[in-house]
Amino acid sequence: MVAGVDEMIAAVEAALRREAALPVRAQAAATAVQDHGNARWVGIYSVDDSEVRNEAWAGPAAPAYPRFAVTEGLTSHAIAAGAIAVSNDTARDPRYLANQDDSGSELIVPIVVDGRVIGTLDLESDRVGAFSGESIARFEAAAQLLAALWLGPS
């Protein structure tokens, strides 16, 4: 297993076991991913038919767009495909919806339940080329667990 995965997954699982409302558990999970996942900024979003809404974030600043249409940004590609969307050079990627001023890379991992995207895990780094197969796999594992936010305490 990749170094750090056990700690990140254990911290996310602990956050999700809390008996608390979605925003409290989402905040604990976002903080766990940031603390153990080498991401400068982490956001957890709910997705409905028309809107993406931030539930929690951890990082240097609040999200520039706490709510936006499902048709905007890199997120729209992850939602449409039901698969990860990555930009390893946000300055050159027209799909990037600017969130943090100095982001170099962004990864969107959809949270899928019964074939439907119900949320996303959004990760940003200040480095260009920050997300590769190994790091992506780590965040996919965390995102699978995050479905519990919408399904109730585990």
Protein backbone atom coordinates (compact mmCIF):
# COMPACT_ATOMS: atom_id res chain seq x y z
CA MET A 1 0.00 0.00 0.00
CA VAL A 2 1.19 3.53 -0.74
CA ALA A 3 2.84 5.26 2.22
CA GLY A 4 0.35 7.47 4.00
CA VAL A 5 -2.75 5.74 2.67
CA ASP A 6 -3.44 3.92 5.92
CA GLU A 7 -3.25 7.17 7.91
CA MET A 8 -5.44 9.12 5.47
CA ILE A 9 -8.03 6.37 5.17
CA ALA A 10 -8.10 5.81 8.93
CA ALA A 11 -8.55 9.55 9.54
CA VAL A 12 -11.37 9.79 6.97
CA GLU A 13 -13.08 6.73 8.43
CA ALA A 14 -12.87 8.26 11.92
CA ALA A 15 -14.38 11.52 10.64
CA LEU A 16 -17.24 9.66 9.01
CA ARG A 17 -18.02 7.63 12.16
CA ARG A 18 -18.79 10.78 14.11
CA GLU A 19 -22.40 11.19 15.14
CA ALA A 20 -22.91 14.62 13.66
CA ALA A 21 -24.60 16.41 10.79
CA LEU A 22 -23.16 16.25 7.27
CA PRO A 23 -21.32 19.61 7.46
CA VAL A 24 -19.48 18.64 10.65
CA ARG A 25 -18.49 15.22 9.33
CA ALA A 26 -17.54 16.70 5.93
CA GLN A 27 -15.30 19.27 7.62
CA ALA A 28 -13.55 16.59 9.64
CA ALA A 29 -13.08 14.49 6.49
CA ALA A 30 -11.74 17.42 4.43
CA THR A 31 -9.25 18.21 7.18
CA ALA A 32 -8.21 14.54 7.37
CA VAL A 33 -7.56 14.39 3.62
CA GLN A 34 -5.58 17.62 3.69
CA ASP A 35 -3.56 16.59 6.75
CA HIS A 36 -2.63 13.17 5.38
CA GLY A 37 -2.96 13.51 1.62
CA ASN A 38 -0.40 16.09 0.48
CA ALA A 39 -3.04 18.43 -0.96
CA ARG A 40 -2.81 22.15 -0.27
CA TRP A 41 -6.58 22.62 -0.60
CA VAL A 42 -9.41 20.09 -0.22
CA GLY A 43 -13.10 20.62 -0.84
CA ILE A 44 -16.06 18.30 -0.46
CA TYR A 45 -19.08 19.18 -2.59
CA SER A 46 -22.66 17.98 -2.95
CA VAL A 47 -24.02 17.58 -6.47
CA ASP A 48 -27.65 17.75 -7.54
CA ASP A 49 -29.23 18.04 -11.00
CA SER A 50 -28.21 21.66 -11.51
CA GLU A 51 -25.77 22.77 -8.82
CA VAL A 52 -22.52 21.88 -7.10
CA ARG A 53 -22.40 23.11 -3.48
CA ASN A 54 -19.45 23.20 -1.12
CA GLU A 55 -20.07 21.33 2.13
CA ALA A 56 -16.60 21.74 3.65
CA TRP A 57 -13.07 22.79 2.81
CA ALA A 58 -9.58 22.74 4.31
CA GLY A 59 -6.78 24.95 3.07
CA PRO A 60 -5.51 28.49 2.85
CA ALA A 61 -8.79 30.17 1.78
CA ALA A 62 -12.49 29.53 1.30
CA PRO A 63 -13.58 28.31 -2.14
CA ALA A 64 -13.91 31.11 -4.67
CA TYR A 65 -17.17 29.52 -5.84
CA PRO A 66 -19.02 27.83 -2.97
CA ARG A 67 -21.88 27.14 -5.42
CA PHE A 68 -21.74 26.80 -9.19
CA ALA A 69 -23.60 25.13 -12.05
CA VAL A 70 -22.91 21.45 -12.81
CA THR A 71 -21.86 22.62 -16.29
CA GLU A 72 -18.88 24.66 -15.05
CA GLY A 73 -15.24 23.91 -14.49
CA LEU A 74 -13.27 20.71 -14.35
CA THR A 75 -16.00 19.42 -12.05
CA SER A 76 -18.46 19.33 -14.95
CA HIS A 77 -16.25 16.82 -16.76
CA ALA A 78 -16.01 14.57 -13.70
CA ILE A 79 -19.78 14.69 -13.22
CA ALA A 80 -20.59 14.01 -16.88
CA ALA A 81 -18.16 11.09 -17.12
CA GLY A 82 -18.62 9.77 -13.59
CA ALA A 83 -14.83 9.55 -13.54
CA ILE A 84 -11.88 11.57 -12.29
CA ALA A 85 -10.93 14.79 -14.04
CA VAL A 86 -7.41 16.13 -13.63
CA SER A 87 -5.60 19.25 -14.69
CA ASN A 88 -1.89 19.17 -14.00
CA ASP A 89 -1.47 22.71 -15.32
CA THR A 90 -4.48 24.84 -14.39
CA ALA A 91 -3.01 27.99 -15.97
CA ARG A 92 -3.21 26.32 -19.38
CA ASP A 93 -6.48 24.44 -18.90
CA PRO A 94 -9.62 26.29 -20.05
CA ARG A 95 -11.76 23.87 -18.01
CA TYR A 96 -10.30 25.16 -14.73
CA LEU A 97 -12.70 27.32 -12.69
CA ALA A 98 -10.27 29.40 -10.62
CA ASN A 99 -10.62 28.50 -6.97
CA GLN A 100 -7.34 29.36 -5.25
CA ASP A 101 -5.08 32.08 -6.68
CA ASP A 102 -1.94 30.00 -6.93
CA SER A 103 -3.21 26.56 -7.91
CA GLY A 104 -1.00 24.65 -10.30
CA SER A 105 -2.98 21.38 -10.41
CA GLU A 106 -6.51 20.25 -9.63
CA LEU A 107 -8.05 16.81 -9.25
CA ILE A 108 -11.79 16.17 -9.09
CA VAL A 109 -12.88 12.73 -7.86
CA PRO A 110 -16.60 12.02 -8.21
CA ILE A 111 -18.45 10.34 -5.37
CA VAL A 112 -20.81 7.88 -7.01
CA VAL A 113 -23.72 5.99 -5.48
CA ASP A 114 -25.91 3.69 -7.58
CA GLY A 115 -24.40 5.07 -10.79
CA ARG A 116 -25.15 8.70 -9.88
CA VAL A 117 -22.62 11.38 -8.91
CA ILE A 118 -23.81 12.73 -5.54
CA GLY A 119 -20.67 14.61 -4.59
CA THR A 120 -17.08 15.38 -5.43
CA LEU A 121 -13.75 15.47 -3.68
CA ASP A 122 -11.82 18.47 -5.05
CA LEU A 123 -8.07 18.64 -4.44
CA GLU A 124 -5.69 21.41 -5.40
CA SER A 125 -1.93 21.78 -5.28
CA ASP A 126 0.21 24.83 -5.86
CA ARG A 127 2.54 22.63 -7.95
CA VAL A 128 2.13 21.94 -11.67
CA GLY A 129 2.05 18.18 -12.31
CA ALA A 130 1.07 17.32 -8.74
CA PHE A 131 -1.36 14.47 -9.45
CA SER A 132 -0.24 11.13 -10.87
CA GLY A 133 -1.51 7.55 -10.81
CA GLU A 134 -0.31 6.87 -7.28
CA SER A 135 -1.72 10.02 -5.71
CA ILE A 136 -4.93 9.73 -7.71
CA ALA A 137 -5.48 6.19 -6.40
CA ARG A 138 -5.10 7.48 -2.82
CA PHE A 139 -7.77 10.12 -3.32
CA GLU A 140 -10.11 7.72 -5.12
CA ALA A 141 -9.98 5.45 -2.07
CA ALA A 142 -10.89 8.37 0.18
CA ALA A 143 -13.70 9.51 -2.13
CA GLN A 144 -15.30 6.04 -2.06
CA LEU A 145 -15.58 6.36 1.70
CA LEU A 146 -17.10 9.84 1.48
CA ALA A 147 -20.37 8.48 0.08
CA ALA A 148 -21.21 7.80 3.74
CA LEU A 149 -21.69 11.56 4.19
CA TRP A 150 -24.88 11.38 2.15
CA LEU A 151 -25.92 7.91 3.26
CA GLY A 152 -25.71 8.59 7.00
CA PRO A 153 -23.21 7.73 9.73
CA SER A 154 -21.31 4.49 9.23
